[in-house]
Amino acid sequence: MLGVLYLRVCDQSSATRKLVARAACAAAGEDALVGWAHTDHEIGIILPQLGFREVRFDAAVAVQDTELRIWQQLARDFGDLARNKVSIRADIHQSSKRREIDRRSPDAAMWSHRGAVRWSDSSKRVMDIVVSILLLVGLSPLFLLIAILIKAKSPGPILFKQVRLGRGAKPFTVLKFRTMHTDADSTLHQKYMESFINANLPADPGDAKVFKMLHDPRITSIGRTLRRTSLDELPQLWNVLVGDMSLVGPRPPLQYELEQYRAWHWRRVLEAKPGVTGLWQVRGRSRTTFDEMVRLDLQYVRTRSLWLDFKILLATPGAVFTGKGAC
């Protein structure tokens, strides 16, 4: 069951559009997807998945509560003229086939207006270039050592190339040190991710649900160490240098992961460039649920700043060397 609100802006002045967009973002919960839908004068709000077991009445109440908060904000901005500025309609979608709702991606024209960037993208890009160059040069002896160990332990290429999805779901080729045997099949991981994202994985006794597979037979002996310390991700510094990724941001997903996403999950690929590290990596890493990982990504998007990026970068070595939450 999915609730969608559409705000049609009758007054097309830039000031009105800005205030309406602000009202929509303020009224929607942090998990909602907010943006211009289909046209440049209609804002859409996709509310979080309410749960297939919820009754239709509960969905209607959630939509009505959000609509009420929007009108309250608009009344503060426009007074008695609010209903002359905006019209609102609500839709509640329900289907016996849950996948028809859960896996529907947001409209390509729907881009978030939630929160202004507090420092320019150009500043972030400059930091990405400078730091990635320094790390690529400074860590070159470590790169060489890892390459020798990979070759000594398992035949095949040193680097593993994989298509991931960046900002706006744009595909790019991510680089990692190879941690698997060359004949590894992705089917096992694909089935695991489908179960994990849909939250029906059986947890091992005494273990929390984890993002990575605990006993993946495809991983080499040196690969386990590289994964546990996240050293396998060092080649992604090249992806940062060429602009596919940033030093800090959400984890870049695979295409078959996106096929399992609910509507609100899409915000993590629409609103920020993927990163080598992020809030999830330094706070939760593998020992967290998928929804918790997405919420950490959205928290970063909502509060990102130059200072926050510095704090995450400074916290990353500790998470790497302790291996906390890694598998």
C-alpha atoms as a PDB file:
ATOM      1  CA  MET A   1       0.000   0.000   0.000  1.00  0.00           C
ATOM      2  CA  LEU A   2       1.482   3.322  -1.108  1.00  0.00           C
ATOM      3  CA  GLY A   3       0.283   6.871  -0.543  1.00  0.00           C
ATOM      4  CA  VAL A   4       1.036   9.611  -3.068  1.00  0.00           C
ATOM      5  CA  LEU A   5       0.241  13.322  -2.756  1.00  0.00           C
ATOM      6  CA  TYR A   6       0.365  15.726  -5.701  1.00  0.00           C
ATOM      7  CA  LEU A   7       0.683  19.478  -5.121  1.00  0.00           C
ATOM      8  CA  ARG A   8      -0.290  21.497  -8.186  1.00  0.00           C
ATOM      9  CA  VAL A   9       1.215  24.990  -8.063  1.00  0.00           C
ATOM     10  CA  CYS A  10      -1.241  27.467  -9.552  1.00  0.00           C
ATOM     11  CA  ASP A  11       0.986  30.516  -9.147  1.00  0.00           C
ATOM     12  CA  GLN A  12       4.139  29.966 -11.219  1.00  0.00           C
ATOM     13  CA  SER A  13       6.274  32.683  -9.646  1.00  0.00           C
ATOM     14  CA  SER A  14       9.673  31.461  -8.453  1.00  0.00           C
ATOM     15  CA  ALA A  15       8.960  32.615  -4.890  1.00  0.00           C
ATOM     16  CA  THR A  16       5.732  30.583  -4.745  1.00  0.00           C
ATOM     17  CA  ARG A  17       7.366  27.493  -6.223  1.00  0.00           C
ATOM     18  CA  LYS A  18      10.154  27.702  -3.671  1.00  0.00           C
ATOM     19  CA  LEU A  19       7.762  28.074  -0.722  1.00  0.00           C
ATOM     20  CA  VAL A  20       5.556  25.205  -1.907  1.00  0.00           C
ATOM     21  CA  ALA A  21       8.574  22.948  -2.360  1.00  0.00           C
ATOM     22  CA  ARG A  22       9.732  23.856   1.142  1.00  0.00           C
ATOM     23  CA  ALA A  23       6.288  23.089   2.576  1.00  0.00           C
ATOM     24  CA  ALA A  24       6.238  19.688   0.864  1.00  0.00           C
ATOM     25  CA  CYS A  25       9.659  18.752   2.203  1.00  0.00           C
ATOM     26  CA  ALA A  26       8.831  19.964   5.715  1.00  0.00           C
ATOM     27  CA  ALA A  27       5.568  17.998   5.859  1.00  0.00           C
ATOM     28  CA  ALA A  28       6.869  14.721   4.423  1.00  0.00           C
ATOM     29  CA  GLY A  29       8.686  12.247   6.639  1.00  0.00           C
ATOM     30  CA  GLU A  30      12.417  11.692   6.168  1.00  0.00           C
ATOM     31  CA  ASP A  31      11.769   8.465   4.252  1.00  0.00           C
ATOM     32  CA  ALA A  32       9.442  10.073   1.696  1.00  0.00           C
ATOM     33  CA  LEU A  33      10.438  10.842  -1.879  1.00  0.00           C
ATOM     34  CA  VAL A  34       9.746  14.488  -2.784  1.00  0.00           C
ATOM     35  CA  GLY A  35      10.198  16.176  -6.137  1.00  0.00           C
ATOM     36  CA  TRP A  36       8.745  17.735  -9.272  1.00  0.00           C
ATOM     37  CA  ALA A  37       6.557  15.067 -10.852  1.00  0.00           C
ATOM     38  CA  HIS A  38       5.936  14.955 -14.622  1.00  0.00           C
ATOM     39  CA  THR A  39       5.727  18.743 -14.981  1.00  0.00           C
ATOM     40  CA  ASP A  40       7.443  21.792 -13.532  1.00  0.00           C
ATOM     41  CA  HIS A  41       4.291  22.893 -11.720  1.00  0.00           C
ATOM     42  CA  GLU A  42       3.325  19.713  -9.869  1.00  0.00           C
ATOM     43  CA  ILE A  43       5.174  18.344  -6.848  1.00  0.00           C
ATOM     44  CA  GLY A  44       4.819  14.673  -5.949  1.00  0.00           C
ATOM     45  CA  ILE A  45       5.275  13.119  -2.515  1.00  0.00           C
ATOM     46  CA  ILE A  46       5.619   9.338  -2.369  1.00  0.00           C
ATOM     47  CA  LEU A  47       5.075   8.318   1.230  1.00  0.00           C
ATOM     48  CA  PRO A  48       7.054   5.392   2.681  1.00  0.00           C
ATOM     49  CA  GLN A  49       5.748   1.871   2.246  1.00  0.00           C
ATOM     50  CA  LEU A  50       3.050   1.503   4.891  1.00  0.00           C
ATOM     51  CA  GLY A  51       3.263  -2.262   5.035  1.00  0.00           C
ATOM     52  CA  PHE A  52       1.176  -4.705   3.042  1.00  0.00           C
ATOM     53  CA  ARG A  53      -0.598  -5.869   6.214  1.00  0.00           C
ATOM     54  CA  GLU A  54      -1.826  -2.380   7.027  1.00  0.00           C
ATOM     55  CA  VAL A  55      -5.497  -1.726   6.336  1.00  0.00           C
ATOM     56  CA  ARG A  56      -6.541   0.881   3.808  1.00  0.00           C
ATOM     57  CA  PHE A  57      -7.855   3.120   6.592  1.00  0.00           C
ATOM     58  CA  ASP A  58      -4.343   3.422   8.085  1.00  0.00           C
ATOM     59  CA  ALA A  59      -2.970   4.456   4.701  1.00  0.00           C
ATOM     60  CA  ALA A  60      -5.685   7.080   4.331  1.00  0.00           C
ATOM     61  CA  VAL A  61      -4.892   8.481   7.778  1.00  0.00           C
ATOM     62  CA  ALA A  62      -1.183   8.745   6.921  1.00  0.00           C
ATOM     63  CA  VAL A  63      -1.977  10.610   3.715  1.00  0.00           C
ATOM     64  CA  GLN A  64      -4.463  12.922   5.463  1.00  0.00           C
ATOM     65  CA  ASP A  65      -1.968  13.720   8.226  1.00  0.00           C
ATOM     66  CA  THR A  66       0.666  14.672   5.662  1.00  0.00           C
ATOM     67  CA  GLU A  67      -1.817  16.776   3.714  1.00  0.00           C
ATOM     68  CA  LEU A  68      -2.821  18.587   6.903  1.00  0.00           C
ATOM     69  CA  ARG A  69       0.800  19.419   7.712  1.00  0.00           C
ATOM     70  CA  ILE A  70       1.259  20.780   4.184  1.00  0.00           C
ATOM     71  CA  TRP A  71      -1.774  23.074   4.504  1.00  0.00           C
ATOM     72  CA  GLN A  72      -0.557  24.276   7.900  1.00  0.00           C
ATOM     73  CA  GLN A  73       2.822  25.211   6.432  1.00  0.00           C
ATOM     74  CA  LEU A  74       1.224  26.856   3.394  1.00  0.00           C
ATOM     75  CA  ALA A  75      -1.084  28.844   5.682  1.00  0.00           C
ATOM     76  CA  ARG A  76       1.944  30.188   7.512  1.00  0.00           C
ATOM     77  CA  ASP A  77       3.529  31.228   4.211  1.00  0.00           C
ATOM     78  CA  PHE A  78       0.499  32.499   2.263  1.00  0.00           C
ATOM     79  CA  GLY A  79      -2.247  33.062   4.854  1.00  0.00           C
ATOM     80  CA  ASP A  80      -5.777  33.033   3.408  1.00  0.00           C
ATOM     81  CA  LEU A  81      -4.383  32.898  -0.138  1.00  0.00           C
ATOM     82  CA  ALA A  82      -2.929  29.385   0.339  1.00  0.00           C
ATOM     83  CA  ARG A  83      -5.780  27.576  -1.451  1.00  0.00           C
ATOM     84  CA  ASN A  84      -5.506  29.988  -4.367  1.00  0.00           C
ATOM     85  CA  LYS A  85      -1.829  29.122  -4.731  1.00  0.00           C
ATOM     86  CA  VAL A  86      -1.952  25.322  -4.487  1.00  0.00           C
ATOM     87  CA  SER A  87      -4.322  22.432  -5.062  1.00  0.00           C
ATOM     88  CA  ILE A  88      -3.681  18.980  -3.578  1.00  0.00           C
ATOM     89  CA  ARG A  89      -4.886  15.559  -4.637  1.00  0.00           C
ATOM     90  CA  ALA A  90      -4.137  12.231  -2.978  1.00  0.00           C
ATOM     91  CA  ASP A  91      -3.886   8.692  -4.356  1.00  0.00           C
ATOM     92  CA  ILE A  92      -3.674   5.443  -2.399  1.00  0.00           C
ATOM     93  CA  HIS A  93      -2.399   2.468  -4.353  1.00  0.00           C
ATOM     94  CA  GLN A  94      -3.189  -1.057  -3.258  1.00  0.00           C
ATOM     95  CA  SER A  95      -2.515  -4.358  -4.986  1.00  0.00           C
ATOM     96  CA  SER A  96      -2.536  -8.033  -4.086  1.00  0.00           C
ATOM     97  CA  LYS A  97       0.781  -8.224  -5.937  1.00  0.00           C
ATOM     98  CA  ARG A  98       3.123  -6.357  -3.672  1.00  0.00           C
ATOM     99  CA  ARG A  99       5.944  -6.220  -6.208  1.00  0.00           C
ATOM    100  CA  GLU A 100       3.830  -4.052  -8.530  1.00  0.00           C
ATOM    101  CA  ILE A 101       4.088  -1.282  -5.942  1.00  0.00           C
ATOM    102  CA  ASP A 102       7.362  -1.956  -4.175  1.00  0.00           C
ATOM    103  CA  ARG A 103       9.527  -2.149  -7.264  1.00  0.00           C
ATOM    104  CA  ARG A 104       8.089   0.749  -9.211  1.00  0.00           C
ATOM    105  CA  SER A 105      10.894   3.229  -9.665  1.00  0.00           C
ATOM    106  CA  PRO A 106      10.244   6.957  -9.276  1.00  0.00           C
ATOM    107  CA  ASP A 107       9.536   8.913 -12.427  1.00  0.00           C
ATOM    108  CA  ALA A 108      12.746   9.965 -14.144  1.00  0.00           C
ATOM    109  CA  ALA A 109      11.625  13.598 -13.887  1.00  0.00           C
ATOM    110  CA  MET A 110      11.198  13.374 -10.109  1.00  0.00           C
ATOM    111  CA  TRP A 111      14.171  14.996  -8.425  1.00  0.00           C
ATOM    112  CA  SER A 112      14.353  15.850  -4.745  1.00  0.00           C
ATOM    113  CA  HIS A 113      14.132  19.397  -3.419  1.00  0.00           C
ATOM    114  CA  ARG A 114      14.774  18.307   0.158  1.00  0.00           C
ATOM    115  CA  GLY A 115      17.357  20.525   1.811  1.00  0.00           C
ATOM    116  CA  ALA A 116      19.837  22.860   0.163  1.00  0.00           C
ATOM    117  CA  VAL A 117      23.466  21.813  -0.257  1.00  0.00           C
ATOM    118  CA  ARG A 118      25.374  23.707   2.419  1.00  0.00           C
ATOM    119  CA  TRP A 119      28.596  23.796   0.495  1.00  0.00           C
ATOM    120  CA  SER A 120      29.147  23.737  -3.201  1.00  0.00           C
ATOM    121  CA  ASP A 121      29.586  20.629  -5.299  1.00  0.00           C
ATOM    122  CA  SER A 122      32.708  22.228  -6.725  1.00  0.00           C
ATOM    123  CA  SER A 123      34.322  22.360  -3.252  1.00  0.00           C
ATOM    124  CA  LYS A 124      33.520  18.706  -2.699  1.00  0.00           C
ATOM    125  CA  ARG A 125      34.930  17.845  -6.113  1.00  0.00           C
ATOM    126  CA  VAL A 126      38.173  19.714  -5.390  1.00  0.00           C
ATOM    127  CA  MET A 127      38.582  17.808  -2.138  1.00  0.00           C
ATOM    128  CA  ASP A 128      37.867  14.505  -3.920  1.00  0.00           C
ATOM    129  CA  ILE A 129      40.573  15.182  -6.522  1.00  0.00           C
ATOM    130  CA  VAL A 130      43.237  16.359  -4.082  1.00  0.00           C
ATOM    131  CA  VAL A 131      42.714  13.631  -1.486  1.00  0.00           C
ATOM    132  CA  SER A 132      42.376  10.807  -4.026  1.00  0.00           C
ATOM    133  CA  ILE A 133      45.650  11.805  -5.715  1.00  0.00           C
ATOM    134  CA  LEU A 134      47.454  11.981  -2.373  1.00  0.00           C
ATOM    135  CA  LEU A 135      46.119   8.582  -1.314  1.00  0.00           C
ATOM    136  CA  LEU A 136      46.828   6.907  -4.654  1.00  0.00           C
ATOM    137  CA  VAL A 137      50.441   8.084  -4.491  1.00  0.00           C
ATOM    138  CA  GLY A 138      50.937   7.545  -0.767  1.00  0.00           C
ATOM    139  CA  LEU A 139      49.383   4.069  -0.712  1.00  0.00           C
ATOM    140  CA  SER A 140      51.097   2.833  -3.880  1.00  0.00           C
ATOM    141  CA  PRO A 141      53.434   0.464  -1.905  1.00  0.00           C
ATOM    142  CA  LEU A 142      50.355  -1.073  -0.251  1.00  0.00           C
ATOM    143  CA  PHE A 143      48.693  -1.428  -3.660  1.00  0.00           C
ATOM    144  CA  LEU A 144      51.759  -3.313  -4.911  1.00  0.00           C
ATOM    145  CA  LEU A 145      51.834  -5.625  -1.870  1.00  0.00           C
ATOM    146  CA  ILE A 146      48.127  -6.478  -2.209  1.00  0.00           C
ATOM    147  CA  ALA A 147      48.548  -7.136  -5.934  1.00  0.00           C
ATOM    148  CA  ILE A 148      51.402  -9.589  -5.241  1.00  0.00           C
ATOM    149  CA  LEU A 149      49.369 -11.420  -2.588  1.00  0.00           C
ATOM    150  CA  ILE A 150      46.327 -11.722  -4.863  1.00  0.00           C
ATOM    151  CA  LYS A 151      48.445 -13.182  -7.661  1.00  0.00           C
ATOM    152  CA  ALA A 152      50.201 -15.567  -5.256  1.00  0.00           C
ATOM    153  CA  LYS A 153      46.972 -16.917  -3.742  1.00  0.00           C
ATOM    154  CA  SER A 154      44.667 -17.184  -6.746  1.00  0.00           C
ATOM    155  CA  PRO A 155      45.089 -17.171 -10.534  1.00  0.00           C
ATOM    156  CA  GLY A 156      43.339 -14.405 -12.404  1.00  0.00           C
ATOM    157  CA  PRO A 157      43.322 -10.606 -12.699  1.00  0.00           C
ATOM    158  CA  ILE A 158      44.305  -8.357  -9.803  1.00  0.00           C
ATOM    159  CA  LEU A 159      41.414  -5.960 -10.235  1.00  0.00           C
ATOM    160  CA  PHE A 160      37.726  -6.793 -10.285  1.00  0.00           C
ATOM    161  CA  LYS A 161      35.521  -4.615 -12.499  1.00  0.00           C
ATOM    162  CA  GLN A 162      31.789  -4.397 -11.910  1.00  0.00           C
ATOM    163  CA  VAL A 163      29.006  -2.171 -13.207  1.00  0.00           C
ATOM    164  CA  ARG A 164      27.405  -0.187 -10.393  1.00  0.00           C
ATOM    165  CA  LEU A 165      24.839   2.614 -10.393  1.00  0.00           C
ATOM    166  CA  GLY A 166      25.805   6.150  -9.452  1.00  0.00           C
ATOM    167  CA  ARG A 167      23.856   9.328  -8.902  1.00  0.00           C
ATOM    168  CA  GLY A 168      20.606   9.285 -10.836  1.00  0.00           C
ATOM    169  CA  ALA A 169      21.065   5.521 -11.354  1.00  0.00           C
ATOM    170  CA  LYS A 170      23.719   6.232 -14.008  1.00  0.00           C
ATOM    171  CA  PRO A 171      25.874   3.121 -14.588  1.00  0.00           C
ATOM    172  CA  PHE A 172      29.654   3.202 -14.196  1.00  0.00           C
ATOM    173  CA  THR A 173      32.429   0.631 -13.770  1.00  0.00           C
ATOM    174  CA  VAL A 174      33.692   0.362 -10.208  1.00  0.00           C
ATOM    175  CA  LEU A 175      37.182  -0.997  -9.465  1.00  0.00           C
ATOM    176  CA  LYS A 176      38.070  -3.273  -6.557  1.00  0.00           C
ATOM    177  CA  PHE A 177      40.846  -5.666  -5.697  1.00  0.00           C
ATOM    178  CA  ARG A 178      39.677  -9.145  -6.687  1.00  0.00           C
ATOM    179  CA  THR A 179      38.584 -11.123  -3.629  1.00  0.00           C
ATOM    180  CA  MET A 180      36.789 -14.004  -5.378  1.00  0.00           C
ATOM    181  CA  HIS A 181      37.756 -16.916  -7.558  1.00  0.00           C
ATOM    182  CA  THR A 182      37.589 -16.065 -11.243  1.00  0.00           C
ATOM    183  CA  ASP A 183      34.713 -18.480 -11.916  1.00  0.00           C
ATOM    184  CA  ALA A 184      32.484 -16.984  -9.193  1.00  0.00           C
ATOM    185  CA  ASP A 185      28.756 -16.913  -9.990  1.00  0.00           C
ATOM    186  CA  SER A 186      26.717 -13.853  -8.946  1.00  0.00           C
ATOM    187  CA  THR A 187      23.496 -15.872  -8.556  1.00  0.00           C
ATOM    188  CA  LEU A 188      24.205 -16.656  -4.905  1.00  0.00           C
ATOM    189  CA  HIS A 189      24.713 -13.006  -4.016  1.00  0.00           C
ATOM    190  CA  GLN A 190      21.698 -11.931  -6.075  1.00  0.00           C
ATOM    191  CA  LYS A 191      19.397 -14.282  -4.154  1.00  0.00           C
ATOM    192  CA  TYR A 192      20.935 -13.153  -0.886  1.00  0.00           C
ATOM    193  CA  MET A 193      20.337  -9.479  -1.685  1.00  0.00           C
ATOM    194  CA  GLU A 194      16.734 -10.136  -2.677  1.00  0.00           C
ATOM    195  CA  SER A 195      16.135 -11.782   0.685  1.00  0.00           C
ATOM    196  CA  PHE A 196      18.088  -9.145   2.601  1.00  0.00           C
ATOM    197  CA  ILE A 197      16.382  -6.088   1.087  1.00  0.00           C
ATOM    198  CA  ASN A 198      12.962  -7.649   1.596  1.00  0.00           C
ATOM    199  CA  ALA A 199      13.900  -8.414   5.234  1.00  0.00           C
ATOM    200  CA  ASN A 200      13.197 -12.145   5.270  1.00  0.00           C
ATOM    201  CA  LEU A 201      16.702 -13.486   5.835  1.00  0.00           C
ATOM    202  CA  PRO A 202      17.029 -16.086   8.594  1.00  0.00           C
ATOM    203  CA  ALA A 203      19.535 -14.783  11.148  1.00  0.00           C
ATOM    204  CA  ASP A 204      22.211 -17.176  12.394  1.00  0.00           C
ATOM    205  CA  PRO A 205      21.891 -17.964  16.134  1.00  0.00           C
ATOM    206  CA  GLY A 206      23.494 -15.181  18.118  1.00  0.00           C
ATOM    207  CA  ASP A 207      24.207 -13.087  15.019  1.00  0.00           C
ATOM    208  CA  ALA A 208      22.492  -9.955  13.793  1.00  0.00           C
ATOM    209  CA  LYS A 209      21.418  -9.797  10.186  1.00  0.00           C
ATOM    210  CA  VAL A 210      24.375  -8.705   8.152  1.00  0.00           C
ATOM    211  CA  PHE A 211      24.763  -6.958   4.828  1.00  0.00           C
ATOM    212  CA  LYS A 212      27.534  -9.206   3.532  1.00  0.00           C
ATOM    213  CA  MET A 213      27.363 -12.973   3.353  1.00  0.00           C
ATOM    214  CA  LEU A 214      29.126 -14.527   6.347  1.00  0.00           C
ATOM    215  CA  HIS A 215      30.288 -17.711   4.618  1.00  0.00           C
ATOM    216  CA  ASP A 216      30.603 -16.913   0.941  1.00  0.00           C
ATOM    217  CA  PRO A 217      32.331 -19.886  -0.773  1.00  0.00           C
ATOM    218  CA  ARG A 218      33.361 -17.690  -3.702  1.00  0.00           C
ATOM    219  CA  ILE A 219      35.888 -15.664  -1.647  1.00  0.00           C
ATOM    220  CA  THR A 220      39.601 -16.508  -1.665  1.00  0.00           C
ATOM    221  CA  SER A 221      41.715 -16.750   1.501  1.00  0.00           C
ATOM    222  CA  ILE A 222      43.385 -13.370   0.924  1.00  0.00           C
ATOM    223  CA  GLY A 223      40.023 -12.004  -0.184  1.00  0.00           C
ATOM    224  CA  ARG A 224      38.521 -12.567   3.282  1.00  0.00           C
ATOM    225  CA  THR A 225      41.215 -10.406   4.846  1.00  0.00           C
ATOM    226  CA  LEU A 226      40.819  -7.713   2.218  1.00  0.00           C
ATOM    227  CA  ARG A 227      37.055  -7.621   2.720  1.00  0.00           C
ATOM    228  CA  ARG A 228      37.234  -7.654   6.502  1.00  0.00           C
ATOM    229  CA  THR A 229      39.523  -4.601   6.434  1.00  0.00           C
ATOM    230  CA  SER A 230      37.834  -3.016   3.371  1.00  0.00           C
ATOM    231  CA  LEU A 231      41.227  -2.835   1.647  1.00  0.00           C
ATOM    232  CA  ASP A 232      39.624  -4.382  -1.433  1.00  0.00           C
ATOM    233  CA  GLU A 233      37.908  -1.023  -2.034  1.00  0.00           C
ATOM    234  CA  LEU A 234      41.097   1.054  -2.312  1.00  0.00           C
ATOM    235  CA  PRO A 235      41.062   1.040  -6.163  1.00  0.00           C
ATOM    236  CA  GLN A 236      37.814   3.003  -5.946  1.00  0.00           C
ATOM    237  CA  LEU A 237      40.051   6.018  -5.320  1.00  0.00           C
ATOM    238  CA  TRP A 238      40.505   5.968  -9.100  1.00  0.00           C
ATOM    239  CA  ASN A 239      36.712   6.154  -9.495  1.00  0.00           C
ATOM    240  CA  VAL A 240      36.810   9.202  -7.216  1.00  0.00           C
ATOM    241  CA  LEU A 241      39.565  10.833  -9.257  1.00  0.00           C
ATOM    242  CA  VAL A 242      37.700  10.437 -12.560  1.00  0.00           C
ATOM    243  CA  GLY A 243      34.425  11.648 -11.035  1.00  0.00           C
ATOM    244  CA  ASP A 244      32.292   8.492 -10.912  1.00  0.00           C
ATOM    245  CA  MET A 245      32.319   8.480  -7.113  1.00  0.00           C
ATOM    246  CA  SER A 246      33.059  10.772  -4.190  1.00  0.00           C
ATOM    247  CA  LEU A 247      35.153  10.094  -1.112  1.00  0.00           C
ATOM    248  CA  VAL A 248      32.018  10.225   1.046  1.00  0.00           C
ATOM    249  CA  GLY A 249      28.521   9.180   0.022  1.00  0.00           C
ATOM    250  CA  PRO A 250      26.099   6.236  -0.194  1.00  0.00           C
ATOM    251  CA  ARG A 251      27.299   2.797  -1.260  1.00  0.00           C
ATOM    252  CA  PRO A 252      26.831   2.308  -5.060  1.00  0.00           C
ATOM    253  CA  PRO A 253      24.253  -0.461  -5.688  1.00  0.00           C
ATOM    254  CA  LEU A 254      24.078  -3.167  -8.327  1.00  0.00           C
ATOM    255  CA  GLN A 255      21.299  -3.221 -10.915  1.00  0.00           C
ATOM    256  CA  TYR A 256      19.630  -6.291  -9.426  1.00  0.00           C
ATOM    257  CA  GLU A 257      19.598  -4.596  -6.023  1.00  0.00           C
ATOM    258  CA  LEU A 258      17.702  -1.633  -7.460  1.00  0.00           C
ATOM    259  CA  GLU A 259      15.062  -4.015  -8.795  1.00  0.00           C
ATOM    260  CA  GLN A 260      14.213  -4.863  -5.172  1.00  0.00           C
ATOM    261  CA  TYR A 261      14.022  -1.243  -3.976  1.00  0.00           C
ATOM    262  CA  ARG A 262      10.898   0.300  -2.547  1.00  0.00           C
ATOM    263  CA  ALA A 263      10.029   3.807  -3.663  1.00  0.00           C
ATOM    264  CA  TRP A 264      11.659   5.540  -0.688  1.00  0.00           C
ATOM    265  CA  HIS A 265      14.891   3.530  -1.112  1.00  0.00           C
ATOM    266  CA  TRP A 266      15.454   5.287  -4.443  1.00  0.00           C
ATOM    267  CA  ARG A 267      16.397   8.534  -2.697  1.00  0.00           C
ATOM    268  CA  ARG A 268      19.831   7.109  -1.888  1.00  0.00           C
ATOM    269  CA  VAL A 269      20.685   6.935  -5.616  1.00  0.00           C
ATOM    270  CA  LEU A 270      18.860  10.099  -6.699  1.00  0.00           C
ATOM    271  CA  GLU A 271      20.259  12.621  -4.257  1.00  0.00           C
ATOM    272  CA  ALA A 272      23.997  12.035  -3.897  1.00  0.00           C
ATOM    273  CA  LYS A 273      27.031  10.700  -5.716  1.00  0.00           C
ATOM    274  CA  PRO A 274      28.127   7.314  -4.311  1.00  0.00           C
ATOM    275  CA  GLY A 275      31.111   7.263  -1.978  1.00  0.00           C
ATOM    276  CA  VAL A 276      34.044   5.077  -0.971  1.00  0.00           C
ATOM    277  CA  THR A 277      33.033   5.581   2.645  1.00  0.00           C
ATOM    278  CA  GLY A 278      30.002   7.012   4.417  1.00  0.00           C
ATOM    279  CA  LEU A 279      27.929   7.061   7.577  1.00  0.00           C
ATOM    280  CA  TRP A 280      26.942   3.414   7.077  1.00  0.00           C
ATOM    281  CA  GLN A 281      30.563   2.297   6.811  1.00  0.00           C
ATOM    282  CA  VAL A 282      31.717   4.083   9.987  1.00  0.00           C
ATOM    283  CA  ARG A 283      28.612   3.527  12.123  1.00  0.00           C
ATOM    284  CA  GLY A 284      27.061   0.262  11.112  1.00  0.00           C
ATOM    285  CA  ARG A 285      28.963  -1.429   8.285  1.00  0.00           C
ATOM    286  CA  SER A 286      27.739  -4.971   7.787  1.00  0.00           C
ATOM    287  CA  ARG A 287      25.898  -5.400  11.058  1.00  0.00           C
ATOM    288  CA  THR A 288      22.773  -3.490  10.223  1.00  0.00           C
ATOM    289  CA  THR A 289      19.527  -3.995   8.369  1.00  0.00           C
ATOM    290  CA  PHE A 290      19.089  -2.716   4.829  1.00  0.00           C
ATOM    291  CA  ASP A 291      16.500  -0.101   5.854  1.00  0.00           C
ATOM    292  CA  GLU A 292      18.873   1.156   8.565  1.00  0.00           C
ATOM    293  CA  MET A 293      21.634   1.457   5.974  1.00  0.00           C
ATOM    294  CA  VAL A 294      19.352   3.483   3.692  1.00  0.00           C
ATOM    295  CA  ARG A 295      18.338   5.754   6.581  1.00  0.00           C
ATOM    296  CA  LEU A 296      22.002   6.431   7.369  1.00  0.00           C
ATOM    297  CA  ASP A 297      22.546   7.337   3.710  1.00  0.00           C
ATOM    298  CA  LEU A 298      19.545   9.670   3.798  1.00  0.00           C
ATOM    299  CA  GLN A 299      20.776  11.192   7.060  1.00  0.00           C
ATOM    300  CA  TYR A 300      24.055  12.011   5.317  1.00  0.00           C
ATOM    301  CA  VAL A 301      22.235  13.521   2.334  1.00  0.00           C
ATOM    302  CA  ARG A 302      20.111  15.658   4.649  1.00  0.00           C
ATOM    303  CA  THR A 303      22.960  16.912   6.877  1.00  0.00           C
ATOM    304  CA  ARG A 304      25.986  16.774   4.573  1.00  0.00           C
ATOM    305  CA  SER A 305      28.637  19.424   4.963  1.00  0.00           C
ATOM    306  CA  LEU A 306      32.368  19.783   4.519  1.00  0.00           C
ATOM    307  CA  TRP A 307      32.860  19.237   8.253  1.00  0.00           C
ATOM    308  CA  LEU A 308      30.744  16.057   8.229  1.00  0.00           C
ATOM    309  CA  ASP A 309      32.793  14.687   5.324  1.00  0.00           C
ATOM    310  CA  PHE A 310      36.003  15.355   7.251  1.00  0.00           C
ATOM    311  CA  LYS A 311      34.626  13.579  10.331  1.00  0.00           C
ATOM    312  CA  ILE A 312      33.590  10.538   8.303  1.00  0.00           C
ATOM    313  CA  LEU A 313      36.979  10.387   6.575  1.00  0.00           C
ATOM    314  CA  LEU A 314      38.771  10.615   9.931  1.00  0.00           C
ATOM    315  CA  ALA A 315      36.578   7.858  11.392  1.00  0.00           C
ATOM    316  CA  THR A 316      37.061   5.503   8.438  1.00  0.00           C
ATOM    317  CA  PRO A 317      40.603   4.211   9.300  1.00  0.00           C
ATOM    318  CA  GLY A 318      39.398   3.182  12.756  1.00  0.00           C
ATOM    319  CA  ALA A 319      36.486   1.258  11.267  1.00  0.00           C
ATOM    320  CA  VAL A 320      38.832  -0.365   8.740  1.00  0.00           C
ATOM    321  CA  PHE A 321      41.530  -1.470  11.186  1.00  0.00           C
ATOM    322  CA  THR A 322      39.157  -2.667  13.911  1.00  0.00           C
ATOM    323  CA  GLY A 323      36.992  -4.454  11.346  1.00  0.00           C
ATOM    324  CA  LYS A 324      33.955  -3.527  13.442  1.00  0.00           C
ATOM    325  CA  GLY A 325      30.844  -4.782  11.722  1.00  0.00           C
ATOM    326  CA  ALA A 326      32.753  -6.158   8.757  1.00  0.00           C
ATOM    327  CA  CYS A 327      32.487  -9.684   7.356  1.00  0.00           C
END
